Protein backbone atom coordinates (compact mmCIF):
# COMPACT_ATOMS: atom_id res chain seq x y z
CA MET A 1 16.11 13.55 -19.36
CA ARG A 2 17.89 10.51 -21.54
CA CYS A 3 17.89 10.69 -25.16
CA THR A 4 16.59 8.07 -27.16
CA ARG A 5 18.67 6.46 -30.04
CA ALA A 6 15.83 7.88 -32.45
CA ALA A 7 15.99 11.05 -31.08
CA VAL A 8 19.96 11.44 -31.32
CA THR A 9 19.51 10.03 -34.82
CA LEU A 10 17.05 12.41 -35.85
CA ALA A 11 18.97 15.34 -34.47
CA ALA A 12 21.94 14.32 -36.19
CA LEU A 13 20.25 13.73 -39.58
CA LEU A 14 18.73 17.39 -39.02
CA LEU A 15 22.03 18.77 -38.52
CA LEU A 16 23.51 16.97 -41.42
CA LEU A 17 20.92 18.57 -43.77
CA CYS A 18 21.81 22.03 -42.47
CA VAL A 19 25.38 21.47 -43.13
CA TRP A 20 24.88 19.89 -46.35
CA ALA A 21 22.80 22.76 -47.42
CA LEU A 22 25.37 25.48 -46.33
CA SER A 23 27.94 23.77 -48.05
CA ARG A 24 26.15 23.54 -51.04
CA ASP A 25 26.31 27.52 -51.85
CA ASN A 26 26.55 26.71 -55.64
CA ARG A 27 23.15 25.59 -55.74
CA SER A 28 19.93 27.46 -55.22
CA ALA A 29 18.27 27.50 -52.26
CA ASP A 30 15.20 25.71 -53.57
CA ALA A 31 17.45 22.97 -54.22
CA ALA A 32 19.37 22.71 -51.36
CA PHE A 33 16.39 22.25 -49.33
CA GLY A 34 14.42 19.94 -51.74
CA THR A 35 15.18 16.54 -53.24
CA ALA A 36 18.84 16.85 -54.53
CA ASN A 37 19.74 15.54 -58.30
CA ASP A 38 22.90 14.09 -57.26
CA ASP A 39 24.60 10.66 -55.99
CA SER A 40 25.73 11.92 -52.33
CA PHE A 41 26.25 9.19 -49.98
CA PHE A 42 26.09 10.45 -46.09
CA LEU A 43 26.99 8.61 -42.92
CA ILE A 44 26.15 9.80 -39.48
CA VAL A 45 28.13 7.67 -37.05
CA ASN A 46 27.31 8.24 -33.41
CA LEU A 47 30.38 7.48 -30.96
CA TYR A 48 30.36 7.10 -27.15
CA PHE A 49 33.34 6.93 -25.10
CA LYS A 50 33.79 5.82 -21.82
CA SER A 51 35.93 8.54 -20.34
CA ALA A 52 37.15 12.10 -21.53
CA ALA A 53 40.56 10.67 -22.01
CA ASP A 54 39.33 8.14 -24.70
CA ARG A 55 37.44 10.98 -26.44
CA ALA A 56 40.29 13.26 -26.50
CA THR A 57 42.49 10.48 -27.86
CA PHE A 58 39.87 9.83 -30.55
CA VAL A 59 39.95 13.52 -31.09
CA ASN A 60 44.00 13.58 -31.97
CA LEU A 61 43.27 10.47 -33.99
CA PHE A 62 40.13 12.13 -35.88
CA ASP A 63 42.17 15.43 -36.71
CA GLU A 64 45.21 13.47 -38.18
CA PHE A 65 42.99 11.23 -40.15
CA ALA A 66 40.82 14.16 -41.40
CA ALA A 67 44.08 15.88 -42.66
CA HIS A 68 44.75 12.62 -44.98
CA VAL A 69 41.16 12.58 -46.08
CA ALA A 70 41.26 16.47 -46.85
CA ALA A 71 44.49 15.91 -49.00
CA ALA A 72 43.95 12.43 -50.50
CA GLU A 73 40.22 11.84 -51.05
CA ARG A 74 38.65 14.67 -53.53
CA SER A 75 35.52 12.76 -53.43
CA THR A 76 34.91 13.19 -49.98
CA LEU A 77 32.95 16.51 -49.66
CA GLN A 78 32.57 16.45 -45.94
CA TYR A 79 34.36 14.72 -42.94
CA ARG A 80 33.58 16.65 -39.56
CA LEU A 81 33.37 15.78 -36.16
CA LEU A 82 30.91 17.29 -34.16
CA PHE A 83 29.99 17.46 -30.31
CA SER A 84 27.13 17.51 -28.52
CA ASP A 85 26.00 20.68 -26.62
CA ALA A 86 23.41 19.26 -24.53
CA PRO A 87 23.68 19.73 -20.80
CA GLU A 88 23.15 15.88 -19.63
CA PRO A 89 25.89 13.91 -18.28
CA HIS A 90 25.33 10.91 -20.72
CA ASP A 91 26.32 13.09 -23.48
CA GLU A 92 29.74 14.17 -22.03
CA PHE A 93 31.75 11.53 -23.99
CA HIS A 94 29.48 11.58 -27.16
CA CYS A 95 30.60 12.72 -30.63
CA VAL A 96 29.55 12.30 -34.04
CA VAL A 97 31.25 11.98 -37.16
CA LEU A 98 29.28 13.37 -40.09
CA GLU A 99 30.60 12.27 -43.73
CA GLN A 100 29.44 13.02 -47.16
CA TYR A 101 30.97 11.45 -50.33
CA ALA A 102 30.11 12.41 -54.07
CA ASP A 103 28.42 8.73 -54.32
CA LYS A 104 28.71 5.31 -52.57
CA ALA A 105 31.37 4.49 -54.74
CA ALA A 106 33.61 7.08 -53.14
CA TYR A 107 32.93 5.92 -49.77
CA VAL A 108 33.85 2.19 -50.12
CA GLY A 109 36.87 2.79 -52.51
CA ALA A 110 38.84 5.94 -52.11
CA HIS A 111 38.10 6.06 -48.33
CA ARG A 112 37.47 2.49 -46.63
CA ALA A 113 40.07 0.94 -48.82
CA SER A 114 43.00 3.28 -48.07
CA ALA A 115 45.69 2.32 -45.53
CA ALA A 116 45.09 5.13 -43.36
CA PHE A 117 41.59 4.10 -42.76
CA ALA A 118 42.83 0.76 -41.90
CA THR A 119 45.16 2.68 -39.37
CA PHE A 120 42.48 4.63 -38.12
CA ARG A 121 40.14 2.14 -37.64
CA ALA A 122 42.54 0.02 -35.66
CA ALA A 123 43.02 2.95 -33.35
CA LEU A 124 39.29 3.54 -32.81
CA ALA A 125 38.72 -0.06 -32.09
CA ALA A 126 41.42 -0.04 -29.48
CA LEU A 127 39.37 2.72 -27.52
CA ASN A 128 36.31 0.28 -27.86
CA PRO A 129 33.69 2.94 -27.97
CA ARG A 130 30.03 2.45 -28.50
CA ILE A 131 29.41 2.95 -32.09
CA ASP A 132 26.27 3.48 -34.04
CA GLY A 133 26.22 4.69 -37.51
CA GLN A 134 23.52 5.03 -40.32
CA SER A 135 23.93 5.94 -43.86
CA PHE A 136 21.74 7.85 -45.99
CA LEU A 137 21.43 9.03 -49.69
CA THR A 138 20.26 12.06 -51.33
CA ARG A 139 17.57 10.32 -53.46
CA ILE A 140 15.65 6.84 -53.27
CA ASN A 141 17.02 4.38 -55.37
CA GLU A 142 14.43 2.52 -57.03
């Protein structure tokens, strides 16, 4: 059975919400599962690689960059690499990057503007994966 883009995005969003709720242990359960009163900015990035070797290379790149993020970006609240557990062969080289920032400015500033990010993106581009990403906020901007 082939997953549609909408189904994959919905599954990733549900996973994001569960991980976010678990990471917010300083909030009540009601707040964790309701509308948040913060400015968190989330990205869910689906990456589809052409081979196991390309995905393995990316995992190494990601681990190196994630160490930088943990050490240098205090406003990055989560930066995780997830793998599909679906048995379908088309998911074999698929992974998801789940990102949470204190706010959108933290993503645009500290994260995207770093030299380490530029290096990471160049190495990722050399692998030429199909990338499908979406951003989300914890509240509606009106």
